[in-house]
Amino acid sequence: MRRQFWLLLLLMLVACSPQLASAPTLPATTAPTLLQIGIVSSAQPLIPLIETNYAPENPQVALQFVVGNSESLQTDLANGLLDAVLLHQIPVGIGRYFNPVALDGLVIVTHPDNPVAGLSLAEVQAIFNGRITNWQTVGGIDQAIMLLSREPGSGLHTLLRQRVMAEQRLSPNALLQTSDQAMLTAVAKNPAAIGFSSLGSASQTTSVKIVQVDGRFATSATVTDQTYPLTTPLYFLAATEAEPIGELRAFLAWLQSDVGQTVLGDVYGRVR
C-alpha cells in the first residue's frame, strides 16, 4: 500500500512539472541562383544599369559579372565557366544561342583638343592602314598621328577589320591596348592619338572626343535607327544551342522587355 502511495505521488509530480518547449521551426531558405555573366570591357556601362535596376527586383538571382575580351570570354563560356556572355561580335558558325539586346556603335575617338570633328569612312580606313600619317591631311594641325588599336581577340578589333578595313591590313605601327579603358586612357593622354571604342563606353567620359563618321554622330538615336554607319548590335550569347531556361531566360527576357530596353536606352540604342 505504501509502495502504491509513493508511486502515485511520483506520477503526480511528473505530471505537474513544466514541459520543455520544442525548438521553433525555422522557415526554409533557398540560396539565390548564381548567374555568371561575361561582358566585354567595351560594354561595361551595362553593369551599373543592370545592378541598379534588375538586381534589386530579383533577389532570387545573384549576378556575377566577369570582364574580359571577346575571345577569352568565349573560351570560358565553352569551358562551362560562364552562363552567358554580352559581346559585340558573334563568330560565324558559333553554334550557340544568341540574341541582340541593344544597339551600340563602333566609334572613332580622339583627344578633345584635336580640331578634327569628323572623318569619312575612307579616311578612317586610310589612317588605320597607315596611308594617312599626319593630321594635316584630314584638316587637322601638322602633327604625326599616334595610332592605337585593341588587341587581337577583342570583338571591337574584329569589327574594325570587318566594317572599316575590309581587305586593307591594319597598320603594324598601331600601339595595342588590352582593354577598352586602356584605350580611352591612352587617347585622353595624347593630343595626337586616335583609337576606337564603343558608343556605350566612350559616351560615358569627357576625356575623349567621338568624331563623326561620314557626317553622322553616333548617338543612341542614330544607332537605334541605324543611320550611323558603324552601328553594331550588342548580343547575349548563351552556353547552349537551345534557348536558355530558368533564371537565365528570365534575365534575357528582362533585357529585351520594355522595362529593360528603357533602362538600356539611357546609353544604348533599343532593339525593340
C-alpha atoms as a PDB file:
ATOM      1  CA  MET A   1       0.000   0.000   0.000  1.00  0.00           C
ATOM      2  CA  ARG A   2       2.791   2.384   0.927  1.00  0.00           C
ATOM      3  CA  ARG A   3       4.551   1.494  -2.297  1.00  0.00           C
ATOM      4  CA  GLN A   4       1.473   2.366  -4.313  1.00  0.00           C
ATOM      5  CA  PHE A   5       1.185   5.684  -2.455  1.00  0.00           C
ATOM      6  CA  TRP A   6       4.737   6.741  -3.342  1.00  0.00           C
ATOM      7  CA  LEU A   7       4.290   5.641  -6.980  1.00  0.00           C
ATOM      8  CA  LEU A   8       1.136   7.710  -7.260  1.00  0.00           C
ATOM      9  CA  LEU A   9       2.902  10.711  -5.720  1.00  0.00           C
ATOM     10  CA  LEU A  10       5.785  10.389  -8.189  1.00  0.00           C
ATOM     11  CA  LEU A  11       3.401  10.300 -11.144  1.00  0.00           C
ATOM     12  CA  MET A  12       1.634  13.445  -9.868  1.00  0.00           C
ATOM     13  CA  LEU A  13       4.961  15.299  -9.550  1.00  0.00           C
ATOM     14  CA  VAL A  14       5.971  14.366 -13.106  1.00  0.00           C
ATOM     15  CA  ALA A  15       2.607  15.499 -14.464  1.00  0.00           C
ATOM     16  CA  CYS A  16       2.905  18.898 -12.742  1.00  0.00           C
ATOM     17  CA  SER A  17       6.484  19.620 -13.794  1.00  0.00           C
ATOM     18  CA  PRO A  18       6.992  22.199 -16.590  1.00  0.00           C
ATOM     19  CA  GLN A  19       7.421  20.733 -20.079  1.00  0.00           C
ATOM     20  CA  LEU A  20      10.409  21.703 -22.215  1.00  0.00           C
ATOM     21  CA  ALA A  21       9.317  23.749 -25.218  1.00  0.00           C
ATOM     22  CA  SER A  22      10.157  22.261 -28.589  1.00  0.00           C
ATOM     23  CA  ALA A  23      12.614  24.203 -30.769  1.00  0.00           C
ATOM     24  CA  PRO A  24      10.864  26.595 -33.193  1.00  0.00           C
ATOM     25  CA  THR A  25      10.728  25.514 -36.818  1.00  0.00           C
ATOM     26  CA  LEU A  26      12.675  27.985 -38.969  1.00  0.00           C
ATOM     27  CA  PRO A  27      11.364  28.760 -42.434  1.00  0.00           C
ATOM     28  CA  ALA A  28      13.294  27.060 -45.208  1.00  0.00           C
ATOM     29  CA  THR A  29      15.652  29.399 -47.086  1.00  0.00           C
ATOM     30  CA  THR A  30      16.725  28.976 -50.701  1.00  0.00           C
ATOM     31  CA  ALA A  31      20.081  30.244 -51.857  1.00  0.00           C
ATOM     32  CA  PRO A  32      19.828  32.631 -54.821  1.00  0.00           C
ATOM     33  CA  THR A  33      20.625  31.261 -58.251  1.00  0.00           C
ATOM     34  CA  LEU A  34      24.120  32.334 -59.286  1.00  0.00           C
ATOM     35  CA  LEU A  35      24.405  33.609 -62.853  1.00  0.00           C
ATOM     36  CA  GLN A  36      27.931  34.235 -64.079  1.00  0.00           C
ATOM     37  CA  ILE A  37      27.759  36.674 -66.978  1.00  0.00           C
ATOM     38  CA  GLY A  38      30.792  37.533 -69.076  1.00  0.00           C
ATOM     39  CA  ILE A  39      30.894  41.039 -70.508  1.00  0.00           C
ATOM     40  CA  VAL A  40      33.394  42.620 -72.886  1.00  0.00           C
ATOM     41  CA  SER A  41      35.233  45.629 -71.468  1.00  0.00           C
ATOM     42  CA  SER A  42      33.698  47.960 -74.073  1.00  0.00           C
ATOM     43  CA  ALA A  43      30.216  47.099 -72.724  1.00  0.00           C
ATOM     44  CA  GLN A  44      30.975  47.690 -69.032  1.00  0.00           C
ATOM     45  CA  PRO A  45      28.448  50.562 -68.758  1.00  0.00           C
ATOM     46  CA  LEU A  46      25.805  47.813 -68.793  1.00  0.00           C
ATOM     47  CA  ILE A  47      26.906  46.590 -65.374  1.00  0.00           C
ATOM     48  CA  PRO A  48      25.684  49.540 -63.218  1.00  0.00           C
ATOM     49  CA  LEU A  49      22.483  49.758 -65.276  1.00  0.00           C
ATOM     50  CA  ILE A  50      21.696  46.116 -64.525  1.00  0.00           C
ATOM     51  CA  GLU A  51      22.869  46.189 -60.912  1.00  0.00           C
ATOM     52  CA  THR A  52      20.773  49.274 -60.165  1.00  0.00           C
ATOM     53  CA  ASN A  53      17.586  48.213 -61.927  1.00  0.00           C
ATOM     54  CA  TYR A  54      17.446  44.416 -62.280  1.00  0.00           C
ATOM     55  CA  ALA A  55      19.210  43.109 -59.194  1.00  0.00           C
ATOM     56  CA  PRO A  56      17.024  44.828 -56.504  1.00  0.00           C
ATOM     57  CA  GLU A  57      13.841  43.470 -58.099  1.00  0.00           C
ATOM     58  CA  ASN A  58      15.184  39.928 -58.391  1.00  0.00           C
ATOM     59  CA  PRO A  59      16.749  38.892 -55.054  1.00  0.00           C
ATOM     60  CA  GLN A  60      16.408  35.242 -56.074  1.00  0.00           C
ATOM     61  CA  VAL A  61      19.276  35.819 -58.518  1.00  0.00           C
ATOM     62  CA  ALA A  62      22.922  36.612 -57.732  1.00  0.00           C
ATOM     63  CA  LEU A  63      24.578  38.164 -60.769  1.00  0.00           C
ATOM     64  CA  GLN A  64      28.344  37.933 -61.064  1.00  0.00           C
ATOM     65  CA  PHE A  65      29.975  39.812 -63.953  1.00  0.00           C
ATOM     66  CA  VAL A  66      33.297  38.774 -65.460  1.00  0.00           C
ATOM     67  CA  VAL A  67      35.016  41.369 -67.678  1.00  0.00           C
ATOM     68  CA  GLY A  68      37.368  40.362 -70.486  1.00  0.00           C
ATOM     69  CA  ASN A  69      37.857  40.439 -74.228  1.00  0.00           C
ATOM     70  CA  SER A  70      35.581  38.603 -76.614  1.00  0.00           C
ATOM     71  CA  GLU A  71      37.901  35.686 -77.315  1.00  0.00           C
ATOM     72  CA  SER A  72      38.779  34.898 -73.705  1.00  0.00           C
ATOM     73  CA  LEU A  73      35.136  35.127 -72.597  1.00  0.00           C
ATOM     74  CA  GLN A  74      34.002  32.761 -75.331  1.00  0.00           C
ATOM     75  CA  THR A  75      36.666  30.308 -74.224  1.00  0.00           C
ATOM     76  CA  ASP A  76      35.368  30.499 -70.641  1.00  0.00           C
ATOM     77  CA  LEU A  77      31.826  30.025 -71.954  1.00  0.00           C
ATOM     78  CA  ALA A  78      32.853  26.903 -73.880  1.00  0.00           C
ATOM     79  CA  ASN A  79      34.590  25.541 -70.766  1.00  0.00           C
ATOM     80  CA  GLY A  80      31.466  25.936 -68.637  1.00  0.00           C
ATOM     81  CA  LEU A  81      32.814  28.774 -66.513  1.00  0.00           C
ATOM     82  CA  LEU A  82      30.126  31.248 -67.624  1.00  0.00           C
ATOM     83  CA  ASP A  83      26.383  31.038 -68.199  1.00  0.00           C
ATOM     84  CA  ALA A  84      26.289  33.699 -70.915  1.00  0.00           C
ATOM     85  CA  VAL A  85      28.335  36.498 -72.461  1.00  0.00           C
ATOM     86  CA  LEU A  86      27.404  40.018 -73.563  1.00  0.00           C
ATOM     87  CA  LEU A  87      29.527  40.997 -76.552  1.00  0.00           C
ATOM     88  CA  HIS A  88      29.582  42.857 -79.870  1.00  0.00           C
ATOM     89  CA  GLN A  89      30.679  40.218 -82.325  1.00  0.00           C
ATOM     90  CA  ILE A  90      29.440  36.662 -82.943  1.00  0.00           C
ATOM     91  CA  PRO A  91      31.830  34.367 -84.838  1.00  0.00           C
ATOM     92  CA  VAL A  92      30.422  32.686 -87.934  1.00  0.00           C
ATOM     93  CA  GLY A  93      29.103  29.198 -87.198  1.00  0.00           C
ATOM     94  CA  ILE A  94      29.288  29.592 -83.415  1.00  0.00           C
ATOM     95  CA  GLY A  95      26.520  27.012 -82.872  1.00  0.00           C
ATOM     96  CA  ARG A  96      25.201  28.623 -79.677  1.00  0.00           C
ATOM     97  CA  TYR A  97      22.011  30.522 -78.955  1.00  0.00           C
ATOM     98  CA  PHE A  98      22.344  34.294 -79.281  1.00  0.00           C
ATOM     99  CA  ASN A  99      20.041  37.277 -79.425  1.00  0.00           C
ATOM    100  CA  PRO A 100      20.598  41.060 -79.625  1.00  0.00           C
ATOM    101  CA  VAL A 101      19.733  43.036 -76.504  1.00  0.00           C
ATOM    102  CA  ALA A 102      20.843  46.545 -77.545  1.00  0.00           C
ATOM    103  CA  LEU A 103      22.337  48.537 -80.393  1.00  0.00           C
ATOM    104  CA  ASP A 104      25.779  50.060 -79.975  1.00  0.00           C
ATOM    105  CA  GLY A 105      28.258  51.695 -82.319  1.00  0.00           C
ATOM    106  CA  LEU A 106      31.907  51.284 -83.178  1.00  0.00           C
ATOM    107  CA  VAL A 107      33.170  54.836 -82.641  1.00  0.00           C
ATOM    108  CA  ILE A 108      36.396  56.614 -83.561  1.00  0.00           C
ATOM    109  CA  VAL A 109      37.851  58.602 -80.674  1.00  0.00           C
ATOM    110  CA  THR A 110      40.446  61.369 -80.485  1.00  0.00           C
ATOM    111  CA  HIS A 111      41.777  63.770 -77.874  1.00  0.00           C
ATOM    112  CA  PRO A 112      39.256  66.548 -77.035  1.00  0.00           C
ATOM    113  CA  ASP A 113      41.758  69.209 -78.205  1.00  0.00           C
ATOM    114  CA  ASN A 114      42.040  67.685 -81.677  1.00  0.00           C
ATOM    115  CA  PRO A 115      40.322  70.111 -84.092  1.00  0.00           C
ATOM    116  CA  VAL A 116      39.215  67.338 -86.474  1.00  0.00           C
ATOM    117  CA  ALA A 117      35.471  66.915 -85.898  1.00  0.00           C
ATOM    118  CA  GLY A 118      34.717  64.256 -88.470  1.00  0.00           C
ATOM    119  CA  LEU A 119      36.197  61.739 -90.880  1.00  0.00           C
ATOM    120  CA  SER A 120      34.910  59.833 -93.847  1.00  0.00           C
ATOM    121  CA  LEU A 121      34.916  56.051 -93.655  1.00  0.00           C
ATOM    122  CA  ALA A 122      37.600  56.053 -96.343  1.00  0.00           C
ATOM    123  CA  GLU A 123      39.763  58.394 -94.240  1.00  0.00           C
ATOM    124  CA  VAL A 124      39.330  56.178 -91.178  1.00  0.00           C
ATOM    125  CA  GLN A 125      40.469  53.207 -93.224  1.00  0.00           C
ATOM    126  CA  ALA A 126      43.485  55.101 -94.588  1.00  0.00           C
ATOM    127  CA  ILE A 127      44.509  56.220 -91.093  1.00  0.00           C
ATOM    128  CA  PHE A 128      44.311  52.747 -89.578  1.00  0.00           C
ATOM    129  CA  ASN A 129      46.008  51.256 -92.618  1.00  0.00           C
ATOM    130  CA  GLY A 130      48.892  53.716 -92.226  1.00  0.00           C
ATOM    131  CA  ARG A 131      48.435  55.514 -95.552  1.00  0.00           C
ATOM    132  CA  ILE A 132      47.493  58.736 -93.734  1.00  0.00           C
ATOM    133  CA  THR A 133      50.052  59.504 -91.049  1.00  0.00           C
ATOM    134  CA  ASN A 134      49.593  63.239 -90.374  1.00  0.00           C
ATOM    135  CA  TRP A 135      46.537  65.053 -89.033  1.00  0.00           C
ATOM    136  CA  GLN A 136      47.038  67.860 -91.527  1.00  0.00           C
ATOM    137  CA  THR A 137      45.910  65.515 -94.307  1.00  0.00           C
ATOM    138  CA  VAL A 138      42.393  65.362 -92.833  1.00  0.00           C
ATOM    139  CA  GLY A 139      42.091  69.014 -91.805  1.00  0.00           C
ATOM    140  CA  GLY A 140      43.996  68.974 -88.540  1.00  0.00           C
ATOM    141  CA  ILE A 141      47.277  70.510 -87.490  1.00  0.00           C
ATOM    142  CA  ASP A 142      50.663  69.453 -88.806  1.00  0.00           C
ATOM    143  CA  GLN A 143      51.215  66.606 -86.355  1.00  0.00           C
ATOM    144  CA  ALA A 144      52.039  62.930 -86.743  1.00  0.00           C
ATOM    145  CA  ILE A 145      49.118  60.615 -85.923  1.00  0.00           C
ATOM    146  CA  MET A 146      49.564  58.312 -82.934  1.00  0.00           C
ATOM    147  CA  LEU A 147      47.631  55.192 -83.946  1.00  0.00           C
ATOM    148  CA  LEU A 148      46.066  52.973 -81.281  1.00  0.00           C
ATOM    149  CA  SER A 149      44.297  49.646 -81.671  1.00  0.00           C
ATOM    150  CA  ARG A 150      42.728  46.980 -79.494  1.00  0.00           C
ATOM    151  CA  GLU A 151      44.452  43.615 -79.209  1.00  0.00           C
ATOM    152  CA  PRO A 152      43.580  40.622 -81.420  1.00  0.00           C
ATOM    153  CA  GLY A 153      40.822  38.725 -79.632  1.00  0.00           C
ATOM    154  CA  SER A 154      38.876  41.908 -78.953  1.00  0.00           C
ATOM    155  CA  GLY A 155      35.453  42.000 -80.586  1.00  0.00           C
ATOM    156  CA  LEU A 156      35.924  45.668 -81.495  1.00  0.00           C
ATOM    157  CA  HIS A 157      39.249  44.820 -83.168  1.00  0.00           C
ATOM    158  CA  THR A 158      37.377  42.251 -85.284  1.00  0.00           C
ATOM    159  CA  LEU A 159      34.610  44.735 -86.070  1.00  0.00           C
ATOM    160  CA  LEU A 160      37.135  47.354 -87.204  1.00  0.00           C
ATOM    161  CA  ARG A 161      38.734  44.831 -89.550  1.00  0.00           C
ATOM    162  CA  GLN A 162      35.359  43.734 -90.928  1.00  0.00           C
ATOM    163  CA  ARG A 163      33.478  47.038 -91.108  1.00  0.00           C
ATOM    164  CA  VAL A 164      36.268  49.524 -91.796  1.00  0.00           C
ATOM    165  CA  MET A 165      39.392  47.839 -93.078  1.00  0.00           C
ATOM    166  CA  ALA A 166      37.739  45.355 -95.467  1.00  0.00           C
ATOM    167  CA  GLU A 167      40.672  43.978 -97.495  1.00  0.00           C
ATOM    168  CA  GLN A 168      43.125  46.515 -96.084  1.00  0.00           C
ATOM    169  CA  ARG A 169      45.550  45.464 -93.364  1.00  0.00           C
ATOM    170  CA  LEU A 170      45.722  47.207 -90.003  1.00  0.00           C
ATOM    171  CA  SER A 171      48.969  49.151 -89.677  1.00  0.00           C
ATOM    172  CA  PRO A 172      51.635  47.208 -87.734  1.00  0.00           C
ATOM    173  CA  ASN A 173      52.647  50.551 -86.174  1.00  0.00           C
ATOM    174  CA  ALA A 174      49.420  50.712 -84.148  1.00  0.00           C
ATOM    175  CA  LEU A 175      50.034  50.547 -80.398  1.00  0.00           C
ATOM    176  CA  LEU A 176      47.911  47.772 -78.893  1.00  0.00           C
ATOM    177  CA  GLN A 177      45.671  48.445 -75.888  1.00  0.00           C
ATOM    178  CA  THR A 178      44.499  45.459 -73.865  1.00  0.00           C
ATOM    179  CA  SER A 179      41.136  46.815 -72.703  1.00  0.00           C
ATOM    180  CA  ASP A 180      38.623  49.479 -73.563  1.00  0.00           C
ATOM    181  CA  GLN A 181      39.613  51.520 -70.510  1.00  0.00           C
ATOM    182  CA  ALA A 182      43.272  51.335 -71.514  1.00  0.00           C
ATOM    183  CA  MET A 183      42.308  52.595 -74.975  1.00  0.00           C
ATOM    184  CA  LEU A 184      40.336  55.561 -73.643  1.00  0.00           C
ATOM    185  CA  THR A 185      43.068  56.452 -71.165  1.00  0.00           C
ATOM    186  CA  ALA A 186      45.763  56.363 -73.864  1.00  0.00           C
ATOM    187  CA  VAL A 187      43.727  58.585 -76.205  1.00  0.00           C
ATOM    188  CA  ALA A 188      42.991  61.042 -73.389  1.00  0.00           C
ATOM    189  CA  LYS A 189      46.701  61.418 -72.619  1.00  0.00           C
ATOM    190  CA  ASN A 190      47.930  62.227 -76.138  1.00  0.00           C
ATOM    191  CA  PRO A 191      46.556  65.049 -78.360  1.00  0.00           C
ATOM    192  CA  ALA A 192      47.895  63.220 -81.447  1.00  0.00           C
ATOM    193  CA  ALA A 193      46.177  59.910 -80.673  1.00  0.00           C
ATOM    194  CA  ILE A 194      43.325  58.191 -82.470  1.00  0.00           C
ATOM    195  CA  GLY A 195      41.651  54.960 -81.423  1.00  0.00           C
ATOM    196  CA  PHE A 196      38.282  53.234 -81.350  1.00  0.00           C
ATOM    197  CA  SER A 197      35.778  52.211 -78.717  1.00  0.00           C
ATOM    198  CA  SER A 198      32.050  51.609 -78.365  1.00  0.00           C
ATOM    199  CA  LEU A 199      29.411  54.317 -78.132  1.00  0.00           C
ATOM    200  CA  GLY A 200      28.175  52.932 -74.812  1.00  0.00           C
ATOM    201  CA  SER A 201      31.638  53.212 -73.302  1.00  0.00           C
ATOM    202  CA  ALA A 202      33.088  56.346 -74.909  1.00  0.00           C
ATOM    203  CA  SER A 203      29.916  58.392 -74.321  1.00  0.00           C
ATOM    204  CA  GLN A 204      30.359  57.979 -70.557  1.00  0.00           C
ATOM    205  CA  THR A 205      33.526  60.083 -70.430  1.00  0.00           C
ATOM    206  CA  THR A 206      34.536  63.615 -71.438  1.00  0.00           C
ATOM    207  CA  SER A 207      38.209  62.690 -71.624  1.00  0.00           C
ATOM    208  CA  VAL A 208      37.923  61.702 -75.300  1.00  0.00           C
ATOM    209  CA  LYS A 209      36.042  63.050 -78.297  1.00  0.00           C
ATOM    210  CA  ILE A 210      33.833  60.911 -80.526  1.00  0.00           C
ATOM    211  CA  VAL A 211      34.242  62.093 -84.125  1.00  0.00           C
ATOM    212  CA  GLN A 212      31.614  61.951 -86.832  1.00  0.00           C
ATOM    213  CA  VAL A 213      31.880  59.238 -89.463  1.00  0.00           C
ATOM    214  CA  ASP A 214      30.531  60.091 -92.930  1.00  0.00           C
ATOM    215  CA  GLY A 215      28.803  63.112 -91.419  1.00  0.00           C
ATOM    216  CA  ARG A 216      26.909  61.200 -88.735  1.00  0.00           C
ATOM    217  CA  PHE A 217      27.364  61.395 -84.978  1.00  0.00           C
ATOM    218  CA  ALA A 218      26.971  58.188 -83.011  1.00  0.00           C
ATOM    219  CA  THR A 219      24.108  58.630 -80.529  1.00  0.00           C
ATOM    220  CA  SER A 220      21.525  56.309 -79.018  1.00  0.00           C
ATOM    221  CA  ALA A 221      19.090  57.699 -81.614  1.00  0.00           C
ATOM    222  CA  THR A 222      21.327  57.213 -84.671  1.00  0.00           C
ATOM    223  CA  VAL A 223      22.228  53.657 -83.693  1.00  0.00           C
ATOM    224  CA  THR A 224      18.573  52.867 -82.978  1.00  0.00           C
ATOM    225  CA  ASP A 225      17.573  53.939 -86.494  1.00  0.00           C
ATOM    226  CA  GLN A 226      20.932  52.638 -87.784  1.00  0.00           C
ATOM    227  CA  THR A 227      21.769  55.824 -89.701  1.00  0.00           C
ATOM    228  CA  TYR A 228      25.166  55.820 -88.015  1.00  0.00           C
ATOM    229  CA  PRO A 229      27.298  53.797 -90.471  1.00  0.00           C
ATOM    230  CA  LEU A 230      29.131  51.714 -87.847  1.00  0.00           C
ATOM    231  CA  THR A 231      26.104  50.617 -85.822  1.00  0.00           C
ATOM    232  CA  THR A 232      26.560  47.188 -84.259  1.00  0.00           C
ATOM    233  CA  PRO A 233      24.323  45.011 -82.082  1.00  0.00           C
ATOM    234  CA  LEU A 234      25.230  44.032 -78.553  1.00  0.00           C
ATOM    235  CA  TYR A 235      24.471  40.327 -78.224  1.00  0.00           C
ATOM    236  CA  PHE A 236      23.533  37.927 -75.462  1.00  0.00           C
ATOM    237  CA  LEU A 237      25.384  34.668 -76.189  1.00  0.00           C
ATOM    238  CA  ALA A 238      24.391  31.564 -74.226  1.00  0.00           C
ATOM    239  CA  ALA A 239      26.468  28.494 -73.454  1.00  0.00           C
ATOM    240  CA  THR A 240      23.975  26.146 -75.125  1.00  0.00           C
ATOM    241  CA  GLU A 241      22.483  25.715 -78.581  1.00  0.00           C
ATOM    242  CA  ALA A 242      18.958  25.834 -77.183  1.00  0.00           C
ATOM    243  CA  GLU A 243      17.220  28.912 -75.802  1.00  0.00           C
ATOM    244  CA  PRO A 244      18.118  29.480 -72.129  1.00  0.00           C
ATOM    245  CA  ILE A 245      15.735  28.341 -69.406  1.00  0.00           C
ATOM    246  CA  GLY A 246      15.049  29.293 -65.799  1.00  0.00           C
ATOM    247  CA  GLU A 247      16.578  32.409 -64.288  1.00  0.00           C
ATOM    248  CA  LEU A 248      18.932  32.889 -67.244  1.00  0.00           C
ATOM    249  CA  ARG A 249      15.934  33.015 -69.579  1.00  0.00           C
ATOM    250  CA  ALA A 250      14.208  35.463 -67.225  1.00  0.00           C
ATOM    251  CA  PHE A 251      17.299  37.693 -67.249  1.00  0.00           C
ATOM    252  CA  LEU A 252      17.387  37.726 -71.057  1.00  0.00           C
ATOM    253  CA  ALA A 253      13.647  38.435 -71.153  1.00  0.00           C
ATOM    254  CA  TRP A 254      14.166  41.447 -68.870  1.00  0.00           C
ATOM    255  CA  LEU A 255      16.952  42.810 -71.090  1.00  0.00           C
ATOM    256  CA  GLN A 256      14.593  42.645 -74.080  1.00  0.00           C
ATOM    257  CA  SER A 257      11.456  43.822 -72.266  1.00  0.00           C
ATOM    258  CA  ASP A 258      10.042  47.350 -72.408  1.00  0.00           C
ATOM    259  CA  VAL A 259      11.390  47.994 -68.908  1.00  0.00           C
ATOM    260  CA  GLY A 260      14.849  46.664 -69.732  1.00  0.00           C
ATOM    261  CA  GLN A 261      15.022  48.464 -73.060  1.00  0.00           C
ATOM    262  CA  THR A 262      14.081  51.733 -71.363  1.00  0.00           C
ATOM    263  CA  VAL A 263      16.904  51.236 -68.848  1.00  0.00           C
ATOM    264  CA  LEU A 264      19.456  50.336 -71.528  1.00  0.00           C
ATOM    265  CA  GLY A 265      18.145  53.154 -73.741  1.00  0.00           C
ATOM    266  CA  ASP A 266      19.801  55.727 -71.490  1.00  0.00           C
ATOM    267  CA  VAL A 267      23.112  54.669 -73.061  1.00  0.00           C
ATOM    268  CA  TYR A 268      22.371  52.332 -75.958  1.00  0.00           C
ATOM    269  CA  GLY A 269      20.009  52.054 -78.883  1.00  0.00           C
ATOM    270  CA  ARG A 270      16.872  49.932 -78.488  1.00  0.00           C
ATOM    271  CA  VAL A 271      16.334  46.681 -80.357  1.00  0.00           C
ATOM    272  CA  ARG A 272      12.579  46.864 -79.758  1.00  0.00           C
END
